[in-house]
Amino acid sequence: MTTGDDQHAIRLVEVGYDLGSSTPEWIQSIADSAGPLLDEGLGTWAVTFSFEGGRPLLGDAACAGACVGEVDFFRHAHDAAVPHDILCNGAVRTLSGACGRRRTIAIARRGGVTQKMGCIDSIALGVTDPAGFGIAVGAPLARFAELSRARHDRLARVAAHLHTALRARRRREESDEAVLAPNGRVLHAEAEARSSKAREALRLAARAIDRAKRHTGSADALEAWRAMVAGRWTLVERFEADGRRFLVARPNSPRPKAYVGLSSAETTCALYASMGHSGKLIAYELGIGESTVSAHIHSALRKLGLRSRAQLASALHLGS
């Protein structure tokens, strides 16, 4: 991705952490802001979803740019059981990469989208929370697309932030546990944020966010801005009436369905791994070390009597 792509990625993440707007307004702003990053002339879309009985149910949806009818395309894909492939098997996928070119063309023709829009393929950033809800953002494409590793990784980081932001929106009743200045100075801390280890983690995270916002053209700006802090907090911007800016730390840990014998951290890491997320991406999503992620996954495998990550997908049934 280019420097411009880095800037657009940071901008989309910033829009994602707007917790004050209504959900329809938020989804529309996500679709609008995704344009510079994803739009190749046919527009962009965004949709929330939840799982019941293993099937995704679509929620609020929005289109932007020339993307008239793309939500219909997504719904036709939904009827063909494609979203489960896209949303649960990796954070970033193309429709053709998920189900093959021939099936992708058949889906587009059945929806009438090819004739109306010239759409052949679609790219989606989709992340499902271990609790069974999620968000997807994407764009219809007039060509079959292949993702470079650099673009895939950057878009996966954006997806991690959007789904973390969605979880924070669903928990807006949570009390802040820390208040920080943009430079990372901890102004107030309570509960688990009071320890010296927690305060240091929050301080470093706040400084990384500040650097990312001030140096949006830097290739590592978004890489340093992790989606969570120590697997517990999401840092959200807050402005006072006098215009002063702060960052507040809100408890926002994933809350997966309990599996007998597994800790919450083991379950979370195992579920993300079962969706095809790499250890590096899981570490980014949770704001913990990659070695910690690996330890949780190996512990879960041992307790479940499994030998590989590939077996996790069948052992852990998301949304069922």
Protein backbone atom coordinates (compact mmCIF):
# COMPACT_ATOMS: atom_id res chain seq x y z
CA MET A 1 0.00 0.00 0.00
CA THR A 2 1.13 3.55 -0.67
CA THR A 3 1.54 6.42 1.73
CA GLY A 4 -1.90 7.65 0.66
CA ASP A 5 -3.36 4.26 1.55
CA ASP A 6 -1.78 4.53 4.99
CA GLN A 7 -3.43 7.90 5.52
CA HIS A 8 -6.82 6.59 4.40
CA ALA A 9 -6.46 3.56 6.68
CA ILE A 10 -5.79 5.78 9.71
CA ARG A 11 -8.74 7.98 8.79
CA LEU A 12 -11.09 5.00 8.57
CA VAL A 13 -9.93 3.77 11.98
CA GLU A 14 -10.53 7.22 13.49
CA VAL A 15 -14.08 7.25 12.09
CA GLY A 16 -14.62 3.78 13.54
CA TYR A 17 -13.95 4.99 17.08
CA ASP A 18 -16.73 7.59 16.93
CA LEU A 19 -18.95 6.14 19.65
CA GLY A 20 -21.32 9.11 19.85
CA SER A 21 -23.26 8.70 16.59
CA SER A 22 -26.22 6.38 16.03
CA THR A 23 -25.46 2.99 14.48
CA PRO A 24 -27.02 3.85 11.07
CA GLU A 25 -25.01 7.10 10.99
CA TRP A 26 -21.87 5.22 12.01
CA ILE A 27 -22.29 2.54 9.34
CA GLN A 28 -22.81 5.20 6.69
CA SER A 29 -19.68 7.07 7.78
CA ILE A 30 -17.72 3.80 7.63
CA ALA A 31 -18.92 3.15 4.07
CA ASP A 32 -18.08 6.74 3.07
CA SER A 33 -14.62 6.69 4.64
CA ALA A 34 -13.76 3.30 3.12
CA GLY A 35 -14.01 4.79 -0.38
CA PRO A 36 -10.46 6.15 -0.72
CA LEU A 37 -9.08 2.84 0.55
CA LEU A 38 -11.23 0.34 -1.36
CA ASP A 39 -13.30 1.97 -4.10
CA GLU A 40 -12.25 1.07 -7.65
CA GLY A 41 -15.13 2.88 -9.32
CA LEU A 42 -18.16 0.89 -8.15
CA GLY A 43 -18.48 2.29 -4.62
CA THR A 44 -18.26 0.78 -1.15
CA TRP A 45 -20.54 -0.84 1.42
CA ALA A 46 -20.61 -1.58 5.15
CA VAL A 47 -22.82 -3.92 7.15
CA THR A 48 -23.13 -5.27 10.70
CA PHE A 49 -24.14 -8.87 11.31
CA SER A 50 -24.69 -11.46 14.01
CA PHE A 51 -24.72 -15.26 14.04
CA GLU A 52 -27.57 -17.51 15.03
CA GLY A 53 -27.31 -21.24 14.53
CA GLY A 54 -24.11 -20.80 12.56
CA ARG A 55 -25.71 -18.48 9.96
CA PRO A 56 -25.01 -14.73 9.68
CA LEU A 57 -27.98 -12.37 10.00
CA LEU A 58 -27.37 -8.98 8.43
CA GLY A 59 -28.08 -5.81 10.42
CA ASP A 60 -27.53 -2.15 9.57
CA ALA A 61 -26.10 -1.61 6.08
CA ALA A 62 -24.99 1.38 4.00
CA CYS A 63 -23.62 2.08 0.53
CA ALA A 64 -21.43 4.91 -0.76
CA GLY A 65 -20.24 6.20 -4.11
CA ALA A 66 -21.52 4.38 -7.18
CA CYS A 67 -22.39 1.34 -5.10
CA VAL A 68 -26.14 1.25 -5.78
CA GLY A 69 -27.39 -2.27 -5.23
CA GLU A 70 -24.23 -3.68 -3.66
CA VAL A 71 -26.00 -4.38 -0.39
CA ASP A 72 -28.37 -6.47 -2.49
CA PHE A 73 -25.34 -8.27 -3.90
CA PHE A 74 -24.13 -8.93 -0.37
CA ARG A 75 -27.56 -10.24 0.58
CA HIS A 76 -27.60 -12.56 -2.45
CA ALA A 77 -24.17 -13.78 -1.36
CA HIS A 78 -25.64 -14.23 2.11
CA ASP A 79 -28.40 -16.42 0.72
CA ALA A 80 -25.77 -18.54 -0.99
CA ALA A 81 -23.92 -19.00 2.35
CA VAL A 82 -20.90 -17.08 1.07
CA PRO A 83 -20.63 -14.57 3.97
CA HIS A 84 -19.75 -17.39 6.33
CA ASP A 85 -16.78 -18.14 4.07
CA ILE A 86 -15.77 -14.49 3.90
CA LEU A 87 -16.45 -13.40 7.46
CA CYS A 88 -15.20 -16.42 9.37
CA ASN A 89 -12.11 -17.45 7.45
CA GLY A 90 -9.69 -14.59 7.77
CA ALA A 91 -10.21 -10.88 8.30
CA VAL A 92 -9.72 -9.91 4.63
CA ARG A 93 -10.98 -11.89 1.66
CA THR A 94 -12.13 -11.47 -1.91
CA LEU A 95 -15.32 -13.23 -2.88
CA SER A 96 -13.50 -15.11 -5.64
CA GLY A 97 -10.77 -16.09 -3.21
CA ALA A 98 -13.36 -17.43 -0.77
CA CYS A 99 -15.49 -19.47 -3.16
CA GLY A 100 -13.78 -19.56 -6.57
CA ARG A 101 -14.28 -17.51 -9.72
CA ARG A 102 -16.97 -19.68 -11.27
CA ARG A 103 -19.21 -19.56 -8.19
CA THR A 104 -18.58 -15.82 -7.80
CA ILE A 105 -19.78 -15.17 -11.36
CA ALA A 106 -22.87 -17.32 -10.76
CA ILE A 107 -23.73 -15.37 -7.60
CA ALA A 108 -23.34 -12.02 -9.38
CA ARG A 109 -25.50 -13.13 -12.28
CA ARG A 110 -28.19 -14.50 -10.00
CA GLY A 111 -28.34 -11.17 -8.20
CA GLY A 112 -28.45 -9.21 -11.45
CA VAL A 113 -25.47 -7.21 -10.21
CA THR A 114 -23.22 -7.96 -13.19
CA GLN A 115 -25.74 -6.43 -15.56
CA LYS A 116 -26.50 -3.41 -13.39
CA MET A 117 -23.01 -2.54 -12.20
CA GLY A 118 -20.44 -4.51 -14.12
CA CYS A 119 -19.49 -6.18 -10.84
CA ILE A 120 -17.54 -9.43 -11.08
CA ASP A 121 -15.81 -9.75 -7.72
CA SER A 122 -15.94 -8.15 -4.26
CA ILE A 123 -13.43 -7.45 -1.50
CA ALA A 124 -14.46 -7.51 2.15
CA LEU A 125 -12.90 -6.73 5.51
CA GLY A 126 -14.94 -8.88 7.83
CA VAL A 127 -14.28 -9.73 11.46
CA THR A 128 -16.54 -11.77 13.71
CA ASP A 129 -16.29 -11.24 17.45
CA PRO A 130 -16.01 -14.41 19.57
CA ALA A 131 -19.43 -13.49 20.98
CA GLY A 132 -20.93 -13.96 17.50
CA PHE A 133 -21.41 -10.47 16.03
CA GLY A 134 -19.30 -8.46 13.64
CA ILE A 135 -18.85 -5.90 10.90
CA ALA A 136 -17.88 -6.16 7.25
CA VAL A 137 -16.74 -3.38 4.93
CA GLY A 138 -16.09 -3.87 1.26
CA ALA A 139 -16.34 -2.87 -2.36
CA PRO A 140 -17.66 -4.47 -5.56
CA LEU A 141 -15.00 -4.94 -8.22
CA ALA A 142 -15.14 -4.99 -12.02
CA ARG A 143 -12.20 -7.41 -12.10
CA PHE A 144 -11.00 -10.44 -10.22
CA ALA A 145 -8.66 -9.25 -7.49
CA GLU A 146 -5.65 -10.77 -5.81
CA LEU A 147 -4.40 -9.20 -2.59
CA SER A 148 -0.73 -8.51 -2.01
CA ARG A 149 0.57 -9.50 1.42
CA ALA A 150 1.21 -5.86 2.36
CA ARG A 151 -2.32 -4.78 1.44
CA HIS A 152 -3.88 -7.79 3.13
CA ASP A 153 -2.03 -7.13 6.38
CA ARG A 154 -2.89 -3.43 6.44
CA LEU A 155 -6.56 -4.05 5.73
CA ALA A 156 -6.63 -6.76 8.40
CA ARG A 157 -5.43 -4.19 10.94
CA VAL A 158 -8.18 -1.81 9.89
CA ALA A 159 -10.73 -4.61 10.24
CA ALA A 160 -9.42 -5.37 13.74
CA HIS A 161 -10.04 -1.77 14.81
CA LEU A 162 -13.52 -1.59 13.28
CA HIS A 163 -14.68 -4.73 15.03
CA THR A 164 -13.13 -3.60 18.33
CA ALA A 165 -14.94 -0.27 17.90
CA LEU A 166 -18.22 -2.09 17.22
CA ARG A 167 -17.79 -4.08 20.44
CA ALA A 168 -17.12 -0.82 22.32
CA ARG A 169 -20.29 0.70 20.84
CA ARG A 170 -22.28 -2.27 22.12
CA ARG A 171 -20.85 -1.64 25.62
CA ARG A 172 -21.21 2.09 25.91
CA GLU A 173 -22.48 1.63 29.46
CA GLU A 174 -19.02 0.50 30.59
CA SER A 175 -17.25 2.92 32.95
CA ASP A 176 -13.88 4.36 32.01
CA GLU A 177 -11.03 2.91 34.04
CA ALA A 178 -8.38 5.46 33.08
CA VAL A 179 -8.02 8.94 31.59
CA LEU A 180 -4.84 9.86 29.71
CA ALA A 181 -3.38 12.91 28.06
CA PRO A 182 -2.50 12.51 24.36
CA ASN A 183 1.19 12.25 25.31
CA GLY A 184 0.39 9.16 27.40
CA ARG A 185 0.45 10.72 30.87
CA VAL A 186 -2.05 8.88 33.08
CA LEU A 187 -4.29 11.48 34.71
CA HIS A 188 -6.63 9.08 36.48
CA ALA A 189 -6.79 5.30 36.95
CA GLU A 190 -9.00 2.92 38.84
CA ALA A 191 -9.84 -0.79 39.07
CA GLU A 192 -7.37 -2.90 37.03
CA ALA A 193 -5.84 0.18 35.43
CA ARG A 194 -4.25 1.23 38.75
CA SER A 195 -1.30 -1.17 38.65
CA SER A 196 2.06 0.12 37.46
CA LYS A 197 2.12 -2.51 34.69
CA ALA A 198 -1.31 -1.46 33.42
CA ARG A 199 -0.47 2.25 33.58
CA GLU A 200 2.70 1.68 31.57
CA ALA A 201 0.83 -0.35 28.93
CA LEU A 202 -1.80 2.38 28.63
CA ARG A 203 0.85 5.09 28.44
CA LEU A 204 2.69 3.38 25.60
CA ALA A 205 -0.57 2.70 23.74
CA ALA A 206 -1.68 6.33 24.01
CA ARG A 207 1.67 7.53 22.67
CA ALA A 208 1.41 5.09 19.75
CA ILE A 209 -2.05 6.45 18.89
CA ASP A 210 -0.79 10.03 19.06
CA ARG A 211 2.14 9.21 16.76
CA ALA A 212 -0.16 7.42 14.32
CA LYS A 213 -2.48 10.42 14.08
CA ARG A 214 0.39 12.87 13.64
CA HIS A 215 2.31 10.74 11.13
CA THR A 216 -0.45 9.14 9.06
CA GLY A 217 1.86 8.75 6.08
CA SER A 218 4.25 6.48 7.98
CA ALA A 219 4.13 2.83 6.93
CA ASP A 220 4.26 1.66 10.56
CA ALA A 221 1.79 4.19 11.99
CA LEU A 222 -1.15 1.80 12.01
CA GLU A 223 1.01 -1.16 12.98
CA ALA A 224 1.94 0.59 16.23
CA TRP A 225 -1.69 1.54 16.98
CA ARG A 226 -3.01 -1.77 18.27
CA ALA A 227 -6.72 -2.49 18.50
CA MET A 228 -6.63 -3.14 22.25
CA VAL A 229 -4.38 -2.70 25.26
CA ALA A 230 -3.34 -5.76 27.27
CA GLY A 231 -6.41 -7.67 26.11
CA ARG A 232 -8.65 -5.51 28.29
CA TRP A 233 -8.99 -1.87 27.23
CA THR A 234 -9.96 0.12 24.18
CA LEU A 235 -8.64 3.68 24.09
CA VAL A 236 -11.24 6.16 22.84
CA GLU A 237 -10.84 9.89 22.19
CA ARG A 238 -12.89 12.29 24.29
CA PHE A 239 -13.17 16.06 23.99
CA GLU A 240 -14.16 18.35 26.84
CA ALA A 241 -16.37 21.41 26.44
CA ASP A 242 -13.29 23.64 26.40
CA GLY A 243 -11.82 21.69 23.48
CA ARG A 244 -9.24 19.73 25.49
CA ARG A 245 -8.59 16.23 24.15
CA PHE A 246 -8.15 13.12 26.28
CA LEU A 247 -8.03 9.38 25.78
CA VAL A 248 -10.18 7.17 27.99
CA ALA A 249 -9.60 3.47 28.61
CA ARG A 250 -12.77 1.40 28.53
CA PRO A 251 -12.97 -2.29 29.45
CA ASN A 252 -13.68 -4.05 26.17
CA SER A 253 -12.40 -7.63 26.40
CA PRO A 254 -14.06 -10.16 24.09
CA ARG A 255 -16.66 -12.25 25.88
CA PRO A 256 -16.81 -15.59 24.08
CA LYS A 257 -19.17 -18.38 24.94
CA ALA A 258 -17.58 -20.48 27.66
CA TYR A 259 -16.00 -23.77 26.72
CA VAL A 260 -15.52 -26.30 29.51
CA GLY A 261 -11.95 -26.35 30.74
CA LEU A 262 -10.78 -23.29 28.78
CA SER A 263 -10.05 -19.86 30.23
CA SER A 264 -11.57 -16.80 28.57
CA ALA A 265 -8.20 -15.87 27.05
CA GLU A 266 -7.65 -19.40 25.71
CA THR A 267 -11.14 -19.45 24.22
CA THR A 268 -10.72 -16.05 22.57
CA CYS A 269 -7.36 -16.88 20.99
CA ALA A 270 -8.58 -20.32 19.89
CA LEU A 271 -11.70 -18.86 18.27
CA TYR A 272 -9.71 -16.25 16.36
CA ALA A 273 -7.27 -18.95 15.26
CA SER A 274 -10.20 -21.11 14.10
CA MET A 275 -11.27 -18.20 11.86
CA GLY A 276 -7.89 -18.21 10.16
CA HIS A 277 -6.33 -15.29 12.01
CA SER A 278 -2.56 -15.55 12.33
CA GLY A 279 -0.87 -15.34 15.70
CA LYS A 280 0.50 -11.94 14.72
CA LEU A 281 -2.97 -10.62 13.86
CA ILE A 282 -4.51 -12.01 17.07
CA ALA A 283 -1.77 -10.28 19.05
CA TYR A 284 -2.63 -7.03 17.25
CA GLU A 285 -6.37 -7.48 17.84
CA LEU A 286 -5.94 -8.08 21.57
CA GLY A 287 -2.91 -5.91 22.30
CA ILE A 288 -0.89 -8.76 23.80
CA GLY A 289 2.36 -10.50 22.86
CA GLU A 290 2.47 -12.98 20.00
CA SER A 291 4.15 -15.50 22.32
CA THR A 292 1.22 -15.13 24.74
CA VAL A 293 -1.21 -15.83 21.91
CA SER A 294 0.75 -18.94 20.94
CA ALA A 295 0.76 -20.17 24.54
CA HIS A 296 -3.02 -19.72 24.86
CA ILE A 297 -3.67 -21.56 21.58
CA HIS A 298 -1.39 -24.46 22.44
CA SER A 299 -2.98 -24.72 25.88
CA ALA A 300 -6.46 -24.77 24.30
CA LEU A 301 -5.42 -27.45 21.82
CA ARG A 302 -4.04 -29.60 24.64
CA LYS A 303 -7.14 -29.21 26.81
CA LEU A 304 -9.46 -29.96 23.88
CA GLY A 305 -7.42 -32.98 22.83
CA LEU A 306 -6.65 -31.49 19.39
CA ARG A 307 -3.40 -31.58 17.46
CA SER A 308 -3.63 -28.62 15.07
CA ARG A 309 -5.27 -25.27 14.52
CA ALA A 310 -7.10 -26.72 11.53
CA GLN A 311 -9.10 -28.89 13.93
CA LEU A 312 -10.27 -25.88 15.91
CA ALA A 313 -12.76 -24.76 13.26
CA SER A 314 -14.82 -27.93 13.64
CA ALA A 315 -14.36 -28.11 17.41
CA LEU A 316 -15.48 -24.52 18.09
CA HIS A 317 -18.78 -23.71 16.40
CA LEU A 318 -19.11 -19.94 16.15
CA GLY A 319 -22.61 -18.63 16.72
CA SER A 320 -24.14 -22.06 17.26
